[in-house]
N, C-alpha and C. Protein backbone atom coordinates (compact mmCIF):
# COMPACT_ATOMS: atom_id res chain seq x y z
N MET A 1 67.77 -16.40 18.31
CA MET A 1 66.50 -16.80 18.89
C MET A 1 66.68 -17.20 20.36
N LYS A 2 67.69 -18.00 20.61
CA LYS A 2 67.94 -18.44 21.97
C LYS A 2 68.31 -17.26 22.86
N ASN A 3 69.05 -16.30 22.31
CA ASN A 3 69.46 -15.12 23.08
C ASN A 3 68.24 -14.27 23.43
N ASN A 4 67.30 -14.11 22.48
CA ASN A 4 66.10 -13.32 22.75
C ASN A 4 65.22 -13.99 23.79
N LEU A 5 65.13 -15.33 23.74
CA LEU A 5 64.34 -16.06 24.71
C LEU A 5 64.94 -15.92 26.11
N LEU A 6 66.25 -15.97 26.20
CA LEU A 6 66.93 -15.79 27.48
C LEU A 6 66.68 -14.39 28.03
N LYS A 7 66.73 -13.38 27.17
CA LYS A 7 66.46 -12.01 27.61
C LYS A 7 65.01 -11.87 28.10
N ALA A 8 64.09 -12.51 27.44
CA ALA A 8 62.69 -12.45 27.85
C ALA A 8 62.51 -13.11 29.21
N TYR A 9 63.11 -14.30 29.41
CA TYR A 9 63.02 -14.98 30.70
C TYR A 9 63.64 -14.14 31.81
N LEU A 10 64.79 -13.57 31.56
CA LEU A 10 65.45 -12.75 32.58
C LEU A 10 64.62 -11.51 32.92
N THR A 11 64.01 -10.91 31.91
CA THR A 11 63.17 -9.74 32.16
C THR A 11 61.99 -10.10 33.04
N VAL A 12 61.34 -11.21 32.75
CA VAL A 12 60.19 -11.64 33.55
C VAL A 12 60.63 -11.98 34.97
N VAL A 13 61.73 -12.69 35.12
CA VAL A 13 62.19 -13.08 36.46
C VAL A 13 62.57 -11.85 37.27
N ILE A 14 63.29 -10.93 36.68
CA ILE A 14 63.70 -9.72 37.41
C ILE A 14 62.49 -8.88 37.79
N THR A 15 61.50 -8.82 36.90
CA THR A 15 60.28 -8.06 37.21
C THR A 15 59.55 -8.68 38.40
N PHE A 16 59.39 -10.01 38.38
CA PHE A 16 58.69 -10.65 39.50
C PHE A 16 59.48 -10.59 40.79
N ILE A 17 60.79 -10.63 40.71
CA ILE A 17 61.59 -10.48 41.93
C ILE A 17 61.35 -9.10 42.54
N GLY A 18 61.24 -8.09 41.69
CA GLY A 18 60.95 -6.74 42.19
C GLY A 18 59.59 -6.67 42.85
N PHE A 19 58.58 -7.32 42.28
CA PHE A 19 57.25 -7.32 42.89
C PHE A 19 57.25 -8.05 44.23
N PHE A 20 57.91 -9.20 44.28
CA PHE A 20 57.91 -9.97 45.52
C PHE A 20 58.75 -9.31 46.59
N ALA A 21 59.79 -8.61 46.22
CA ALA A 21 60.66 -7.98 47.21
C ALA A 21 59.98 -6.79 47.87
N THR A 22 59.08 -6.12 47.16
CA THR A 22 58.42 -4.94 47.72
C THR A 22 57.02 -5.23 48.23
N ALA A 23 56.60 -6.48 48.22
CA ALA A 23 55.27 -6.83 48.70
C ALA A 23 55.18 -6.60 50.20
N GLN A 24 54.07 -6.06 50.64
CA GLN A 24 53.85 -5.80 52.06
C GLN A 24 53.02 -6.94 52.65
N PRO A 25 53.38 -7.42 53.82
CA PRO A 25 52.55 -8.46 54.45
C PRO A 25 51.23 -7.85 54.92
N ILE A 26 50.23 -8.68 55.03
CA ILE A 26 48.92 -8.21 55.48
C ILE A 26 48.97 -8.05 56.99
N ASP A 27 48.71 -6.85 57.46
CA ASP A 27 48.73 -6.56 58.90
C ASP A 27 47.37 -6.90 59.52
N PRO A 28 47.37 -7.31 60.77
CA PRO A 28 46.09 -7.52 61.45
C PRO A 28 45.41 -6.18 61.67
N PRO A 29 44.13 -6.18 61.87
CA PRO A 29 43.43 -4.90 62.09
C PRO A 29 44.01 -4.14 63.29
N ALA A 30 44.18 -2.87 63.11
CA ALA A 30 44.76 -2.04 64.18
C ALA A 30 43.67 -1.57 65.14
N ASP A 31 44.11 -0.90 66.18
CA ASP A 31 43.17 -0.31 67.13
C ASP A 31 42.39 0.79 66.44
N PRO A 32 41.21 1.11 66.93
CA PRO A 32 40.45 2.20 66.31
C PRO A 32 41.20 3.53 66.46
N ASP A 33 40.94 4.43 65.54
CA ASP A 33 41.60 5.73 65.56
C ASP A 33 41.22 6.51 66.82
N PRO A 34 42.15 7.30 67.36
CA PRO A 34 41.81 8.12 68.52
C PRO A 34 40.87 9.25 68.10
N LEU A 35 40.25 9.85 69.09
CA LEU A 35 39.34 10.95 68.80
C LEU A 35 40.11 12.12 68.19
N PRO A 36 39.50 12.86 67.28
CA PRO A 36 40.19 14.00 66.67
C PRO A 36 40.41 15.12 67.69
N ALA A 37 41.33 16.01 67.37
CA ALA A 37 41.62 17.14 68.25
C ALA A 37 40.40 18.05 68.35
N PRO A 38 40.11 18.55 69.53
CA PRO A 38 38.89 19.35 69.72
C PRO A 38 39.09 20.82 69.34
N ILE A 39 39.38 21.12 68.08
CA ILE A 39 39.53 22.53 67.70
C ILE A 39 38.24 23.10 67.14
N ASP A 40 37.22 22.25 66.94
CA ASP A 40 35.98 22.74 66.37
C ASP A 40 35.28 23.74 67.28
N SER A 41 35.36 23.52 68.58
CA SER A 41 34.66 24.41 69.50
C SER A 41 35.44 25.71 69.72
N GLN A 42 36.72 25.74 69.40
CA GLN A 42 37.55 26.92 69.64
C GLN A 42 38.01 27.56 68.33
N ILE A 43 37.31 27.35 67.23
CA ILE A 43 37.75 27.85 65.94
C ILE A 43 37.74 29.38 65.89
N ILE A 44 36.85 30.02 66.61
CA ILE A 44 36.80 31.49 66.64
C ILE A 44 38.09 32.04 67.23
N TRP A 45 38.57 31.43 68.32
CA TRP A 45 39.83 31.89 68.93
C TRP A 45 41.01 31.66 67.99
N LEU A 46 40.98 30.57 67.28
CA LEU A 46 42.06 30.27 66.34
C LEU A 46 42.10 31.29 65.22
N VAL A 47 40.96 31.68 64.70
CA VAL A 47 40.90 32.70 63.65
C VAL A 47 41.36 34.05 64.19
N ALA A 48 40.92 34.42 65.40
CA ALA A 48 41.30 35.70 65.98
C ALA A 48 42.82 35.78 66.20
N VAL A 49 43.41 34.73 66.71
CA VAL A 49 44.85 34.71 66.92
C VAL A 49 45.59 34.77 65.59
N GLY A 50 45.07 34.09 64.57
CA GLY A 50 45.69 34.12 63.24
C GLY A 50 45.67 35.51 62.64
N ILE A 51 44.55 36.21 62.76
CA ILE A 51 44.44 37.57 62.24
C ILE A 51 45.37 38.51 63.00
N ALA A 52 45.43 38.37 64.32
CA ALA A 52 46.31 39.22 65.13
C ALA A 52 47.78 38.96 64.76
N PHE A 53 48.15 37.71 64.55
CA PHE A 53 49.53 37.39 64.18
C PHE A 53 49.86 37.94 62.80
N ALA A 54 48.94 37.83 61.85
CA ALA A 54 49.16 38.36 60.51
C ALA A 54 49.33 39.88 60.56
N TYR A 55 48.50 40.56 61.36
CA TYR A 55 48.62 42.02 61.51
C TYR A 55 49.97 42.39 62.10
N TYR A 56 50.43 41.63 63.10
CA TYR A 56 51.72 41.89 63.73
C TYR A 56 52.86 41.73 62.72
N ILE A 57 52.83 40.68 61.93
CA ILE A 57 53.89 40.44 60.95
C ILE A 57 53.88 41.52 59.86
N ILE A 58 52.70 41.88 59.40
CA ILE A 58 52.61 42.90 58.34
C ILE A 58 53.11 44.25 58.85
N THR A 59 52.69 44.64 60.04
CA THR A 59 53.15 45.94 60.56
C THR A 59 54.64 45.91 60.89
N LYS A 60 55.14 44.80 61.35
CA LYS A 60 56.56 44.68 61.64
C LYS A 60 57.38 44.83 60.35
N ASN A 61 56.93 44.22 59.26
CA ASN A 61 57.65 44.34 58.00
C ASN A 61 57.56 45.74 57.41
N LYS A 62 56.45 46.42 57.59
CA LYS A 62 56.31 47.78 57.09
C LYS A 62 57.24 48.73 57.82
N VAL A 63 57.39 48.56 59.13
CA VAL A 63 58.26 49.42 59.91
C VAL A 63 59.72 49.18 59.52
N SER A 64 60.10 47.94 59.31
CA SER A 64 61.50 47.66 58.97
C SER A 64 61.81 48.12 57.56
N LEU A 65 60.85 48.20 56.66
CA LEU A 65 61.11 48.66 55.31
C LEU A 65 61.25 50.19 55.24
N THR A 66 60.60 50.92 56.15
CA THR A 66 60.67 52.38 56.13
C THR A 66 61.95 52.91 56.75
N LYS A 67 62.63 52.13 57.53
CA LYS A 67 63.86 52.61 58.18
C LYS A 67 65.04 52.54 57.25
C-alpha cells in the first residue's frame, strides 16, 4: 500500500514538473502585422510565368527522354 501511494505521488509530481517546465510566459502584445505582399494586383503575371515555366520543364523532359 505504501509503495503504491509513493508511486502515485511520484507520478503526479513528475507530471506537474513537466507541465511547469514547458509553460510559456505571457508575452506583451506585439506590434501589428505588416501589410501583406502585393501579389493580388499581379496575379495574372504570376499565372502566365507559371504556365510558361511548366511548358518549358515539360518540353525539356520530353526532349531528353527521346534522345
